[in-house]
């Protein structure tokens, strides 16, 4: 179970990193771009990165809960990081927080 916890943490950190990259670098380009083809490219990139952050968050939440139930404290850390990644992904790739 310790291996599952560590894998879930790594996946969650990757998801948070992707979400932060999307928030800092890609989303401002979507808001300031004026050409149609370029805007569509950046919008699709924003949506793809948001979906990846959502998916990695969900995977790490599942792994964190399973490891946490089996008395691994690292599993709860993976759960928290996974929730951060999931919320970032939901806010970037859906209209849930619009």
N, C-alpha and C. Protein backbone atom coordinates (compact mmCIF):
# COMPACT_ATOMS: atom_id res chain seq x y z
N UNK A 1 0.81 -1.19 0.00
CA UNK A 1 0.00 0.00 0.00
C UNK A 1 0.85 1.26 0.00
N UNK A 2 2.07 1.15 0.51
CA UNK A 2 2.93 2.32 0.51
C UNK A 2 3.28 2.72 -0.92
N UNK A 3 3.47 1.72 -1.78
CA UNK A 3 3.77 2.00 -3.19
C UNK A 3 2.59 2.70 -3.84
N UNK A 4 1.38 2.25 -3.55
CA UNK A 4 0.19 2.89 -4.09
C UNK A 4 0.10 4.35 -3.63
N UNK A 5 0.43 4.60 -2.38
CA UNK A 5 0.40 5.97 -1.86
C UNK A 5 1.39 6.85 -2.60
N UNK A 6 2.59 6.34 -2.81
CA UNK A 6 3.62 7.13 -3.49
C UNK A 6 3.25 7.38 -4.94
N UNK A 7 2.71 6.37 -5.61
CA UNK A 7 2.28 6.55 -7.00
C UNK A 7 1.15 7.57 -7.07
N UNK A 8 0.22 7.51 -6.14
CA UNK A 8 -0.88 8.47 -6.12
C UNK A 8 -0.38 9.89 -5.87
N UNK A 9 0.60 10.04 -5.01
CA UNK A 9 1.19 11.37 -4.76
C UNK A 9 1.87 11.89 -6.01
N UNK A 10 2.62 11.04 -6.70
CA UNK A 10 3.30 11.46 -7.93
C UNK A 10 2.29 11.89 -8.98
N UNK A 11 1.23 11.12 -9.14
CA UNK A 11 0.19 11.47 -10.12
C UNK A 11 -0.49 12.79 -9.72
N UNK A 12 -0.75 12.97 -8.43
CA UNK A 12 -1.39 14.20 -7.97
C UNK A 12 -0.50 15.42 -8.18
N UNK A 13 0.78 15.28 -7.89
CA UNK A 13 1.71 16.39 -8.09
C UNK A 13 1.80 16.74 -9.58
N UNK A 14 1.80 15.73 -10.44
CA UNK A 14 1.80 15.99 -11.87
C UNK A 14 0.53 16.73 -12.29
N UNK A 15 -0.59 16.32 -11.75
CA UNK A 15 -1.86 16.99 -12.05
C UNK A 15 -1.88 18.43 -11.58
N UNK A 16 -1.38 18.69 -10.39
CA UNK A 16 -1.32 20.06 -9.88
C UNK A 16 -0.37 20.90 -10.74
N UNK A 17 0.75 20.31 -11.14
CA UNK A 17 1.69 21.03 -12.01
C UNK A 17 1.08 21.38 -13.36
N UNK A 18 0.36 20.44 -13.94
CA UNK A 18 -0.31 20.71 -15.22
C UNK A 18 -1.38 21.79 -15.04
N UNK A 19 -2.12 21.72 -13.96
CA UNK A 19 -3.16 22.73 -13.71
C UNK A 19 -2.56 24.11 -13.49
N UNK A 20 -1.45 24.19 -12.77
CA UNK A 20 -0.80 25.48 -12.56
C UNK A 20 -0.24 26.04 -13.86
N UNK A 21 0.36 25.17 -14.67
CA UNK A 21 0.86 25.61 -15.98
C UNK A 21 -0.30 26.16 -16.82
N UNK A 22 -1.40 25.47 -16.79
CA UNK A 22 -2.57 25.91 -17.54
C UNK A 22 -3.06 27.26 -17.02
N UNK A 23 -3.13 27.41 -15.72
CA UNK A 23 -3.64 28.64 -15.13
C UNK A 23 -2.71 29.83 -15.37
N UNK A 24 -1.42 29.60 -15.30
CA UNK A 24 -0.46 30.70 -15.41
C UNK A 24 -0.11 31.04 -16.85
N UNK A 25 0.06 30.02 -17.71
CA UNK A 25 0.56 30.27 -19.05
C UNK A 25 -0.48 30.23 -20.15
N UNK A 26 -1.43 29.33 -20.09
CA UNK A 26 -2.33 29.11 -21.22
C UNK A 26 -3.58 29.98 -21.12
N UNK A 27 -4.21 30.05 -19.98
CA UNK A 27 -5.47 30.78 -19.85
C UNK A 27 -5.32 32.27 -20.18
N UNK A 28 -4.24 32.95 -19.76
CA UNK A 28 -4.10 34.35 -20.21
C UNK A 28 -3.99 34.49 -21.73
N UNK A 29 -3.43 33.50 -22.40
CA UNK A 29 -3.36 33.56 -23.86
C UNK A 29 -4.74 33.42 -24.49
N UNK A 30 -5.60 32.61 -23.89
CA UNK A 30 -6.96 32.46 -24.41
C UNK A 30 -7.71 33.78 -24.29
N UNK A 31 -7.50 34.48 -23.20
CA UNK A 31 -8.25 35.71 -22.95
C UNK A 31 -7.75 36.89 -23.77
N UNK A 32 -6.49 36.86 -24.22
CA UNK A 32 -5.94 38.02 -24.92
C UNK A 32 -5.78 37.80 -26.43
N UNK A 33 -5.98 36.59 -26.92
CA UNK A 33 -5.79 36.30 -28.33
C UNK A 33 -7.00 36.78 -29.13
N UNK A 34 -6.72 37.36 -30.31
CA UNK A 34 -7.82 37.90 -31.11
C UNK A 34 -8.07 37.12 -32.40
N UNK A 35 -7.08 36.40 -32.94
CA UNK A 35 -7.30 35.64 -34.16
C UNK A 35 -8.12 34.40 -33.91
N UNK A 36 -9.03 34.06 -34.83
CA UNK A 36 -9.92 32.93 -34.62
C UNK A 36 -9.19 31.60 -34.53
N UNK A 37 -8.28 31.34 -35.46
CA UNK A 37 -7.58 30.06 -35.48
C UNK A 37 -6.67 29.91 -34.26
N UNK A 38 -6.01 30.98 -33.89
CA UNK A 38 -5.11 30.93 -32.73
C UNK A 38 -5.92 30.79 -31.45
N UNK A 39 -7.06 31.50 -31.38
CA UNK A 39 -7.91 31.40 -30.19
C UNK A 39 -8.44 29.98 -30.02
N UNK A 40 -8.85 29.36 -31.11
CA UNK A 40 -9.35 27.98 -31.04
C UNK A 40 -8.25 27.04 -30.56
N UNK A 41 -7.02 27.25 -31.04
CA UNK A 41 -5.89 26.41 -30.61
C UNK A 41 -5.67 26.54 -29.11
N UNK A 42 -5.60 27.76 -28.60
CA UNK A 42 -5.36 27.95 -27.17
C UNK A 42 -6.54 27.49 -26.32
N UNK A 43 -7.75 27.66 -26.82
CA UNK A 43 -8.92 27.18 -26.09
C UNK A 43 -8.92 25.66 -25.99
N UNK A 44 -8.60 24.99 -27.10
CA UNK A 44 -8.52 23.53 -27.07
C UNK A 44 -7.41 23.06 -26.14
N UNK A 45 -6.28 23.77 -26.13
CA UNK A 45 -5.18 23.42 -25.23
C UNK A 45 -5.60 23.60 -23.78
N UNK A 46 -6.32 24.69 -23.48
CA UNK A 46 -6.82 24.93 -22.13
C UNK A 46 -7.75 23.81 -21.68
N UNK A 47 -8.65 23.42 -22.56
CA UNK A 47 -9.60 22.36 -22.22
C UNK A 47 -8.90 21.01 -22.03
N UNK A 48 -7.93 20.71 -22.90
CA UNK A 48 -7.21 19.44 -22.79
C UNK A 48 -6.42 19.38 -21.48
N UNK A 49 -5.70 20.44 -21.16
CA UNK A 49 -4.92 20.44 -19.92
C UNK A 49 -5.83 20.40 -18.69
N UNK A 50 -6.96 21.07 -18.75
CA UNK A 50 -7.91 21.01 -17.65
C UNK A 50 -8.48 19.61 -17.46
N UNK A 51 -8.77 18.93 -18.57
CA UNK A 51 -9.27 17.56 -18.48
C UNK A 51 -8.20 16.61 -17.93
N UNK A 52 -6.95 16.82 -18.32
CA UNK A 52 -5.87 15.99 -17.79
C UNK A 52 -5.73 16.22 -16.29
N UNK A 53 -5.80 17.46 -15.85
CA UNK A 53 -5.72 17.76 -14.41
C UNK A 53 -6.88 17.11 -13.66
N UNK A 54 -8.07 17.15 -14.26
CA UNK A 54 -9.23 16.51 -13.65
C UNK A 54 -9.04 15.01 -13.50
N UNK A 55 -8.57 14.38 -14.57
CA UNK A 55 -8.39 12.93 -14.58
C UNK A 55 -7.31 12.50 -13.60
N UNK A 56 -6.18 13.20 -13.58
CA UNK A 56 -5.12 12.83 -12.64
C UNK A 56 -5.57 13.05 -11.20
N UNK A 57 -6.36 14.10 -10.97
CA UNK A 57 -6.89 14.32 -9.63
C UNK A 57 -7.81 13.19 -9.19
N UNK A 58 -8.67 12.75 -10.09
CA UNK A 58 -9.59 11.66 -9.76
C UNK A 58 -8.84 10.36 -9.49
N UNK A 59 -7.84 10.05 -10.31
CA UNK A 59 -7.05 8.83 -10.11
C UNK A 59 -6.32 8.87 -8.78
N UNK A 60 -5.72 10.01 -8.46
CA UNK A 60 -4.97 10.09 -7.19
C UNK A 60 -5.92 10.10 -5.99
N UNK A 61 -7.13 10.61 -6.13
CA UNK A 61 -8.10 10.54 -5.04
C UNK A 61 -8.46 9.09 -4.76
N UNK A 62 -8.71 8.33 -5.80
CA UNK A 62 -9.07 6.92 -5.62
C UNK A 62 -7.91 6.16 -4.97
N UNK A 63 -6.70 6.37 -5.48
CA UNK A 63 -5.54 5.70 -4.88
C UNK A 63 -5.28 6.14 -3.46
N UNK A 64 -5.48 7.43 -3.19
CA UNK A 64 -5.27 7.95 -1.83
C UNK A 64 -6.27 7.41 -0.84
N UNK A 65 -7.51 7.28 -1.26
CA UNK A 65 -8.53 6.73 -0.35
C UNK A 65 -8.25 5.26 -0.05
N UNK A 66 -7.90 4.51 -1.08
CA UNK A 66 -7.61 3.09 -0.87
C UNK A 66 -6.42 2.92 0.07
N UNK A 67 -5.36 3.70 -0.17
CA UNK A 67 -4.18 3.60 0.70
C UNK A 67 -4.47 4.16 2.09
N UNK A 68 -5.25 5.21 2.17
CA UNK A 68 -5.57 5.80 3.48
C UNK A 68 -6.40 4.87 4.34
N UNK A 69 -7.31 4.14 3.73
CA UNK A 69 -8.11 3.18 4.48
C UNK A 69 -7.23 2.06 5.03
N UNK A 70 -6.17 1.74 4.30
CA UNK A 70 -5.25 0.69 4.74
C UNK A 70 -4.17 1.22 5.69
N UNK A 71 -4.43 2.36 6.33
CA UNK A 71 -3.59 2.94 7.38
C UNK A 71 -2.26 3.51 6.85
N UNK A 72 -2.25 4.02 5.65
CA UNK A 72 -1.08 4.72 5.12
C UNK A 72 -1.35 6.22 5.14
N UNK A 73 -0.57 6.95 5.92
CA UNK A 73 -0.78 8.40 6.03
C UNK A 73 -0.44 9.11 4.73
N UNK A 74 0.43 8.54 3.92
CA UNK A 74 0.75 9.13 2.63
C UNK A 74 -0.46 9.12 1.71
N UNK A 75 -1.35 8.19 1.92
CA UNK A 75 -2.57 8.13 1.12
C UNK A 75 -3.45 9.35 1.33
N UNK A 76 -3.49 9.86 2.54
CA UNK A 76 -4.30 11.05 2.81
C UNK A 76 -3.66 12.29 2.17
N UNK A 77 -2.34 12.31 2.12
CA UNK A 77 -1.65 13.41 1.42
C UNK A 77 -1.99 13.36 -0.07
N UNK A 78 -2.00 12.17 -0.64
CA UNK A 78 -2.38 12.01 -2.05
C UNK A 78 -3.81 12.45 -2.26
N UNK A 79 -4.68 12.16 -1.32
CA UNK A 79 -6.08 12.57 -1.41
C UNK A 79 -6.21 14.09 -1.46
N UNK A 80 -5.51 14.78 -0.59
CA UNK A 80 -5.59 16.24 -0.55
C UNK A 80 -5.04 16.85 -1.84
N UNK A 81 -3.89 16.36 -2.29
CA UNK A 81 -3.32 16.87 -3.55
C UNK A 81 -4.22 16.53 -4.73
N UNK A 82 -4.82 15.38 -4.70
CA UNK A 82 -5.75 15.00 -5.75
C UNK A 82 -6.98 15.90 -5.79
N UNK A 83 -7.46 16.28 -4.62
CA UNK A 83 -8.60 17.21 -4.56
C UNK A 83 -8.23 18.57 -5.15
N UNK A 84 -7.01 19.02 -4.86
CA UNK A 84 -6.55 20.30 -5.43
C UNK A 84 -6.51 20.20 -6.95
N UNK A 85 -5.95 19.13 -7.46
CA UNK A 85 -5.87 18.93 -8.91
C UNK A 85 -7.26 18.82 -9.52
N UNK A 86 -8.15 18.11 -8.87
CA UNK A 86 -9.51 17.95 -9.38
C UNK A 86 -10.25 19.28 -9.43
N UNK A 87 -10.14 20.09 -8.38
CA UNK A 87 -10.83 21.38 -8.36
C UNK A 87 -10.26 22.32 -9.42
N UNK A 88 -8.93 22.33 -9.57
CA UNK A 88 -8.33 23.13 -10.64
C UNK A 88 -8.86 22.68 -12.00
N UNK A 89 -8.86 21.39 -12.24
CA UNK A 89 -9.33 20.87 -13.51
C UNK A 89 -10.79 21.18 -13.76
N UNK A 90 -11.62 21.06 -12.73
CA UNK A 90 -13.03 21.39 -12.88
C UNK A 90 -13.23 22.87 -13.18
N UNK A 91 -12.44 23.72 -12.56
CA UNK A 91 -12.61 25.15 -12.79
C UNK A 91 -12.09 25.57 -14.16
N UNK A 92 -11.15 24.81 -14.74
CA UNK A 92 -10.56 25.19 -16.01
C UNK A 92 -11.25 24.54 -17.20
N UNK A 93 -11.76 23.35 -17.06
CA UNK A 93 -12.26 22.61 -18.23
C UNK A 93 -13.77 22.46 -18.25
N UNK A 94 -14.46 22.96 -17.24
CA UNK A 94 -15.93 22.89 -17.25
C UNK A 94 -16.46 24.28 -16.94
N UNK A 95 -17.76 24.40 -17.00
CA UNK A 95 -18.39 25.67 -16.65
C UNK A 95 -18.99 25.62 -15.26
N UNK A 96 -18.43 24.73 -14.43
CA UNK A 96 -18.96 24.55 -13.09
C UNK A 96 -18.81 25.81 -12.24
N UNK A 97 -17.71 26.53 -12.39
CA UNK A 97 -17.45 27.69 -11.58
C UNK A 97 -17.60 29.00 -12.35
N UNK A 98 -18.31 28.96 -13.47
CA UNK A 98 -18.49 30.17 -14.28
C UNK A 98 -19.49 31.10 -13.64
